Amino acid sequence: MYYNQIFVSRKSQYLKWTIICAIILLLSSCSKGGGGNSTPPPTPEAQITFTMNPDPTSGIFAALGASQDFTINVTSKLPTGGVKIDLKLIKDLDGSSVFSQSITSTIAGFTVSYSNLTSGIVCSGTITIISASTATNSATKTFKIVKK
């Protein structure tokens, strides 16, 4: 009888350890991943870059009239929502505003015009192009301009 009790006791210990090991194996084989159906993160917008023609950024640009047109070309990939363009012109002499305008565009190439130029008065011009969908994505150019 004693042998039979020992055998049953060992048999139940083996069964207990087998169940514990099976539970550990099942729990460790469960993945913590999302199952592969997660969507990839959106690709960030390309940093805005642009060119101006004529390029007024080297020295003081001499305008021939009271207004000056510039052709702007966004050379980076255009944001899907388009861009906002802020134009400013300030007199260097006293810091007063001469001209400001905000426009929007959904195409990469467009023309802007700075107005109210006065003969012999040097002004600082600024053009800032901002993504319509990501306000932190912008590019700015500054220049000096004077009407001859």
Foldseek 3Di string as FASTA:
>chain_A
DVVVVVVVVVVVVVVVVVVVVVVVVVVVPDDPDPPPPDDDDDDDADFWDKAKVVHQADAEAEDADQKDKIKMFTPGPAPQQWKKKWKWKAFPVPRHTQDIDIDTDPHGIDMDMDGRADAPTKIKMKIKIAHPVDRVRIDMGIHIYHYD
